[in-house]
Amino acid sequence: MNILVTGANGQLGNCLRNAVSNRVKQTTDNGQRLLDNYIFTDVAELDIDGTHISRLDITDADAVAKAVRDNAADVIINCAAYTNVDKAEDDAEFAELLNATAVRNLAEAARDNNATLIHISTDYVFGKEPYNVPCREDQEGTPTGVYGLTKLHGEQAIAESGCKALIFRTAWLYSEYGKNFVKTMLNLTSTKPELKVVFDQTGTPTYAQDLADALFHIIGNRKMDGNEGVYHYSNEGVCSWYDFTKMIAEYAGNTGCDILPCHSDEFPSKVKRPSYSVLDKTKFKQTFGLSVPYWTESLRKCIVNISSGE
């Protein structure tokens, strides 16, 4: 199969490249061959670690249609998104363009070429209601800001297109790549004597490599057809941003920073973040037969990789 990946230089895109690279090495060592052909694309053309990333502007419907057609794509994995939650409040038009209009372009191209779209969405489609139990896939979206609203619009655009699609909502994504909460807290807890972190927002961190490996497994084992729909994927367990930071500092050995819990209103923001956005992963595990790593185990693995420069 031909798999076209967008946003290949982002967190999840980089982790997907890792999954493919590791599998290529395994098959080479075993004298086998990788059955699937991954085509990586991003808004800028570049070469990273021996992998060529072609330029594709997903906001250009004609360019998307041509890329899907010319590459005879059987599967499209959309890892591209506008993810700056605060900035989106002042940049709503561009957030809508990237998170909804571009997604419609991909969905229509998938439909017209009988391809399957795998799209990554977010826990931020929830949040307005005071949830206290894990959010299910069929729960009504109640976003509290532009980011969540535009991501919900993207999901709706996929449904309206009629294409074959699997949507995976995830949460609190981090990795060794780009800017993310883990890398920020590693820096702050190593340089600050004291740090306040909110304890009244609860969710589950997700290691992007775990999600990438899960997607790679689903595609490689041909588990898309007949399983179209919305799924939730985050690591197992529950924590606050405060708990998350405490574990980051502990695993990194950053013992000189006094990490204190605080309320969200001590850090005024343009957008109200979900106070509880834990995702129920029952459907994912039952459908695909995959176990999900516990969040602290994956966090430790990521920090080891960052510390060793991998």
Protein backbone atom coordinates (compact mmCIF):
# COMPACT_ATOMS: atom_id res chain seq x y z
CA MET A 1 0.00 0.00 0.00
CA ASN A 2 0.99 3.62 -0.52
CA ILE A 3 0.64 5.77 2.61
CA LEU A 4 0.79 9.55 2.22
CA VAL A 5 1.73 11.36 5.45
CA THR A 6 1.16 15.08 5.99
CA GLY A 7 2.90 17.14 8.69
CA ALA A 8 5.89 14.77 8.57
CA ASN A 9 8.20 17.18 10.38
CA GLY A 10 5.93 17.60 13.41
CA GLN A 11 5.94 15.54 16.58
CA LEU A 12 3.77 12.68 15.35
CA GLY A 13 5.22 12.85 11.84
CA ASN A 14 8.75 12.42 13.18
CA CYS A 15 7.63 9.50 15.32
CA LEU A 16 5.96 7.86 12.33
CA ARG A 17 9.23 8.15 10.44
CA ASN A 18 10.88 6.40 13.39
CA ALA A 19 8.33 3.59 13.26
CA VAL A 20 8.92 3.11 9.54
CA SER A 21 12.70 3.33 9.89
CA ASN A 22 12.74 0.77 12.72
CA ARG A 23 10.57 -1.60 10.70
CA VAL A 24 12.77 -1.19 7.62
CA LYS A 25 15.80 -2.10 9.70
CA GLN A 26 14.05 -5.13 11.17
CA THR A 27 12.91 -6.41 7.79
CA THR A 28 16.37 -5.84 6.30
CA ASP A 29 18.01 -7.75 9.15
CA ASN A 30 15.52 -10.58 8.67
CA GLY A 31 15.88 -10.67 4.90
CA GLN A 32 12.31 -9.50 4.41
CA ARG A 33 10.91 -6.39 2.79
CA LEU A 34 8.55 -3.68 4.01
CA LEU A 35 5.23 -4.15 2.23
CA ASP A 36 4.08 -0.53 2.55
CA ASN A 37 5.45 2.57 0.87
CA TYR A 38 5.36 5.68 3.05
CA ILE A 39 5.45 9.08 1.31
CA PHE A 40 6.25 11.86 3.77
CA THR A 41 5.19 15.44 3.11
CA ASP A 42 5.17 18.79 4.88
CA VAL A 43 4.74 22.45 4.07
CA ALA A 44 8.50 22.68 3.32
CA GLU A 45 10.63 20.24 1.34
CA LEU A 46 13.62 18.85 3.22
CA ASP A 47 15.71 15.77 3.92
CA ILE A 48 15.99 14.43 7.48
CA ASP A 49 18.07 11.43 8.52
CA GLY A 50 18.04 10.00 5.02
CA THR A 51 14.29 10.48 4.52
CA HIS A 52 13.02 12.85 1.87
CA ILE A 53 10.03 14.99 2.82
CA SER A 54 8.19 16.40 -0.18
CA ARG A 55 6.44 19.75 -0.14
CA LEU A 56 2.66 19.68 0.13
CA ASP A 57 0.45 22.60 1.10
CA ILE A 58 -2.70 20.90 2.38
CA THR A 59 -4.61 24.20 2.25
CA ASP A 60 -4.35 23.97 -1.57
CA ALA A 61 -7.13 21.62 -2.68
CA ASP A 62 -5.68 21.12 -6.15
CA ALA A 63 -2.23 20.30 -4.77
CA VAL A 64 -3.74 17.79 -2.35
CA ALA A 65 -5.79 16.12 -5.08
CA LYS A 66 -2.72 15.87 -7.32
CA ALA A 67 -0.50 14.44 -4.55
CA VAL A 68 -3.05 11.78 -3.64
CA ARG A 69 -3.62 10.89 -7.28
CA ASP A 70 0.04 10.93 -8.41
CA ASN A 71 1.16 8.81 -5.45
CA ALA A 72 -1.77 6.40 -5.84
CA ALA A 73 -2.35 6.81 -2.10
CA ASP A 74 -4.30 4.04 -0.43
CA VAL A 75 -4.08 5.71 3.00
CA ILE A 76 -3.60 9.34 4.05
CA ILE A 77 -2.37 10.08 7.56
CA ASN A 78 -2.96 13.70 8.51
CA CYS A 79 -0.49 14.74 11.21
CA ALA A 80 -0.64 18.44 10.30
CA ALA A 81 -2.52 20.89 12.50
CA TYR A 82 -2.57 24.35 14.01
CA THR A 83 -1.88 23.51 17.67
CA ASN A 84 -1.01 26.79 19.41
CA VAL A 85 -4.05 26.95 21.70
CA ASP A 86 -3.55 30.53 22.93
CA LYS A 87 -2.44 32.03 19.62
CA ALA A 88 -5.45 30.50 17.88
CA GLU A 89 -7.69 32.95 19.73
CA ASP A 90 -6.13 35.79 17.73
CA ASP A 91 -5.53 33.75 14.58
CA ALA A 92 -8.89 32.05 14.17
CA GLU A 93 -8.98 32.35 10.38
CA PHE A 94 -5.69 30.52 9.87
CA ALA A 95 -6.55 27.95 12.54
CA GLU A 96 -9.81 27.23 10.69
CA LEU A 97 -7.91 27.01 7.39
CA LEU A 98 -5.44 24.43 8.67
CA ASN A 99 -7.65 22.49 11.08
CA ALA A 100 -10.85 22.38 9.04
CA THR A 101 -10.58 23.59 5.43
CA ALA A 102 -7.35 21.65 4.80
CA VAL A 103 -8.90 18.58 6.41
CA ARG A 104 -11.85 18.89 4.02
CA ASN A 105 -9.36 18.97 1.13
CA LEU A 106 -7.77 15.74 2.35
CA ALA A 107 -11.12 14.08 2.97
CA GLU A 108 -12.45 14.91 -0.49
CA ALA A 109 -9.25 13.71 -2.13
CA ALA A 110 -9.49 10.48 -0.13
CA ARG A 111 -13.10 10.01 -1.20
CA ASP A 112 -12.37 10.71 -4.88
CA ASN A 113 -9.48 8.21 -4.91
CA ASN A 114 -11.08 5.55 -2.69
CA ALA A 115 -8.38 6.08 -0.07
CA THR A 116 -8.74 5.89 3.71
CA LEU A 117 -8.07 9.03 5.73
CA ILE A 118 -6.51 8.67 9.18
CA HIS A 119 -6.91 11.98 10.98
CA ILE A 120 -5.56 13.11 14.36
CA SER A 121 -7.89 15.16 16.52
CA THR A 122 -7.83 16.30 20.13
CA ASP A 123 -9.35 16.15 23.60
CA TYR A 124 -9.95 19.90 23.21
CA VAL A 125 -13.15 19.13 21.31
CA PHE A 126 -14.48 18.61 24.86
CA GLY A 127 -14.29 20.88 27.86
CA LYS A 128 -17.32 23.13 28.32
CA GLU A 129 -19.25 20.64 30.43
CA PRO A 130 -17.90 19.72 33.89
CA TYR A 131 -16.99 16.11 33.06
CA ASN A 132 -15.82 13.81 35.84
CA VAL A 133 -15.69 10.52 33.94
CA PRO A 134 -13.55 9.70 30.86
CA CYS A 135 -14.93 11.14 27.62
CA ARG A 136 -16.39 8.65 25.12
CA GLU A 137 -16.23 8.88 21.35
CA ASP A 138 -19.98 9.49 20.99
CA GLN A 139 -20.00 12.32 23.49
CA GLU A 140 -21.08 15.69 22.10
CA GLY A 141 -18.22 18.07 21.33
CA THR A 142 -18.26 21.15 23.57
CA PRO A 143 -15.03 23.05 22.83
CA THR A 144 -14.09 26.07 24.93
CA GLY A 145 -11.82 27.88 22.46
CA VAL A 146 -10.91 28.42 18.81
CA TYR A 147 -8.44 25.53 18.70
CA GLY A 148 -10.94 22.95 19.90
CA LEU A 149 -13.71 24.41 17.75
CA THR A 150 -11.62 24.29 14.56
CA LYS A 151 -10.55 20.73 15.29
CA LEU A 152 -14.21 19.79 15.76
CA HIS A 153 -14.97 21.47 12.42
CA GLY A 154 -12.30 19.26 10.87
CA GLU A 155 -13.99 16.14 12.21
CA GLN A 156 -17.31 17.37 10.85
CA ALA A 157 -15.76 18.06 7.44
CA ILE A 158 -14.59 14.44 7.27
CA ALA A 159 -18.07 13.15 8.13
CA GLU A 160 -19.65 15.41 5.50
CA SER A 161 -17.22 14.28 2.79
CA GLY A 162 -18.34 10.67 2.92
CA CYS A 163 -14.78 9.36 2.73
CA LYS A 164 -13.52 6.26 4.53
CA ALA A 165 -11.91 7.60 7.70
CA LEU A 166 -10.57 6.78 11.12
CA ILE A 167 -10.28 9.72 13.51
CA PHE A 168 -8.01 9.36 16.53
CA ARG A 169 -8.45 11.94 19.28
CA THR A 170 -5.40 12.27 21.47
CA ALA A 171 -4.27 14.51 24.34
CA TRP A 172 -1.27 16.27 25.88
CA LEU A 173 1.04 15.05 23.12
CA TYR A 174 4.80 15.19 23.74
CA SER A 175 7.95 13.68 22.25
CA GLU A 176 11.65 14.24 21.69
CA TYR A 177 10.78 16.58 18.80
CA GLY A 178 9.79 20.23 18.51
CA LYS A 179 8.30 22.32 21.29
CA ASN A 180 6.17 20.56 23.87
CA PHE A 181 5.34 20.56 27.57
CA VAL A 182 7.91 17.94 28.55
CA LYS A 183 10.81 19.77 26.92
CA THR A 184 9.68 23.09 28.39
CA MET A 185 9.42 21.65 31.90
CA LEU A 186 12.78 19.91 31.58
CA ASN A 187 14.31 23.32 30.96
CA LEU A 188 12.36 25.18 33.65
CA THR A 189 12.85 22.62 36.41
CA SER A 190 16.58 22.60 35.71
CA THR A 191 16.95 26.39 35.80
CA LYS A 192 14.28 27.72 38.20
CA PRO A 193 14.40 27.47 42.02
CA GLU A 194 10.59 27.47 42.15
CA LEU A 195 7.81 26.73 39.69
CA LYS A 196 4.02 26.93 39.94
CA VAL A 197 1.98 24.52 37.84
CA VAL A 198 -1.81 24.17 37.66
CA PHE A 199 -3.37 21.19 39.44
CA ASP A 200 -7.03 21.80 38.50
CA GLN A 201 -6.75 20.61 34.88
CA THR A 202 -6.81 16.84 34.54
CA GLY A 203 -6.02 14.64 31.56
CA THR A 204 -3.52 12.10 30.32
CA PRO A 205 -0.12 12.75 28.70
CA THR A 206 0.48 10.92 25.42
CA TYR A 207 3.90 9.93 24.11
CA ALA A 208 3.75 10.56 20.36
CA GLN A 209 5.89 7.49 19.63
CA ASP A 210 3.28 5.25 21.28
CA LEU A 211 0.55 6.73 19.06
CA ALA A 212 2.76 6.48 15.96
CA ASP A 213 3.55 2.83 16.69
CA ALA A 214 -0.15 2.10 17.15
CA LEU A 215 -1.05 3.71 13.81
CA PHE A 216 1.81 1.86 12.10
CA HIS A 217 0.52 -1.44 13.53
CA ILE A 218 -3.07 -0.76 12.47
CA ILE A 219 -2.01 0.02 8.91
CA GLY A 220 0.52 -2.78 8.67
CA ASN A 221 -2.02 -5.32 9.85
CA ARG A 222 -4.73 -3.96 7.55
CA LYS A 223 -7.15 -3.13 10.36
CA MET A 224 -8.69 -0.03 8.74
CA ASP A 225 -11.42 -1.47 6.52
CA GLY A 226 -14.58 -2.10 8.47
CA ASN A 227 -13.28 -0.18 11.48
CA GLU A 228 -13.94 3.36 10.26
CA GLY A 229 -15.04 5.78 12.96
CA VAL A 230 -13.82 7.86 15.89
CA TYR A 231 -11.37 6.49 18.47
CA HIS A 232 -9.64 7.82 21.55
CA TYR A 233 -5.94 7.25 22.17
CA SER A 234 -3.85 8.57 25.02
CA ASN A 235 -1.56 6.76 27.40
CA GLU A 236 -3.18 4.96 30.34
CA GLY A 237 -3.71 6.75 33.64
CA VAL A 238 -4.75 10.19 34.82
CA CYS A 239 -2.86 13.21 36.17
CA SER A 240 -2.85 16.99 36.43
CA TRP A 241 -0.27 19.25 34.81
CA TYR A 242 1.25 19.55 38.29
CA ASP A 243 1.60 15.78 38.64
CA PHE A 244 3.00 15.61 35.11
CA THR A 245 5.66 18.21 35.95
CA LYS A 246 6.60 16.46 39.20
CA MET A 247 7.31 13.24 37.31
CA ILE A 248 9.24 15.06 34.57
CA ALA A 249 11.53 16.61 37.18
CA GLU A 250 11.92 13.34 39.08
CA TYR A 251 12.88 11.30 36.01
CA ALA A 252 15.29 14.01 34.85
CA GLY A 253 16.90 14.30 38.30
CA ASN A 254 16.00 17.99 38.54
CA THR A 255 15.75 18.08 42.33
CA GLY A 256 16.66 21.73 42.86
CA CYS A 257 13.29 23.15 41.78
CA ASP A 258 10.41 23.47 44.25
CA ILE A 259 7.31 22.60 42.20
CA LEU A 260 4.11 24.04 43.69
CA PRO A 261 0.46 23.37 42.76
CA CYS A 262 -1.70 26.36 41.82
CA HIS A 263 -5.10 27.19 40.35
CA SER A 264 -5.65 27.95 36.68
CA ASP A 265 -6.83 31.50 37.45
CA GLU A 266 -3.32 32.33 38.67
CA PHE A 267 -2.25 32.15 35.01
CA PRO A 268 -4.78 34.22 33.03
CA SER A 269 -5.30 32.89 29.51
CA LYS A 270 -7.29 33.94 26.47
CA VAL A 271 -8.85 30.49 26.32
CA LYS A 272 -10.43 28.33 29.00
CA ARG A 273 -8.80 24.92 28.87
CA PRO A 274 -10.75 21.75 29.68
CA SER A 275 -10.68 21.06 33.41
CA TYR A 276 -11.19 17.34 32.77
CA SER A 277 -10.48 15.73 29.40
CA VAL A 278 -9.47 12.17 30.19
CA LEU A 279 -10.25 9.97 27.17
CA ASP A 280 -11.97 6.59 27.39
CA LYS A 281 -9.88 4.16 25.29
CA THR A 282 -12.11 1.09 25.63
CA LYS A 283 -13.25 1.16 22.00
CA PHE A 284 -9.68 1.47 20.70
CA LYS A 285 -8.40 -1.47 22.74
CA GLN A 286 -11.34 -3.72 21.90
CA THR A 287 -11.28 -2.91 18.18
CA PHE A 288 -7.56 -3.18 17.51
CA GLY A 289 -6.48 -5.56 20.26
CA LEU A 290 -3.65 -3.30 21.35
CA SER A 291 -2.49 -2.55 24.88
CA VAL A 292 -1.75 1.05 25.80
CA PRO A 293 1.35 1.94 27.88
CA TYR A 294 0.95 3.68 31.23
CA TRP A 295 1.87 7.36 31.04
CA THR A 296 4.77 7.30 33.52
CA GLU A 297 6.46 4.39 31.70
CA SER A 298 6.35 6.24 28.40
CA LEU A 299 7.45 9.52 29.97
CA ARG A 300 10.50 7.86 31.46
CA LYS A 301 11.40 6.38 28.06
CA CYS A 302 11.09 9.77 26.33
CA ILE A 303 13.22 11.55 28.92
CA VAL A 304 15.93 8.89 28.63
CA ASN A 305 15.95 9.45 24.86
CA ILE A 306 16.13 13.23 25.26
CA SER A 307 18.93 12.96 27.81
CA SER A 308 20.93 10.64 25.57
CA GLY A 309 20.39 12.87 22.55
CA GLU A 310 18.40 10.32 20.55
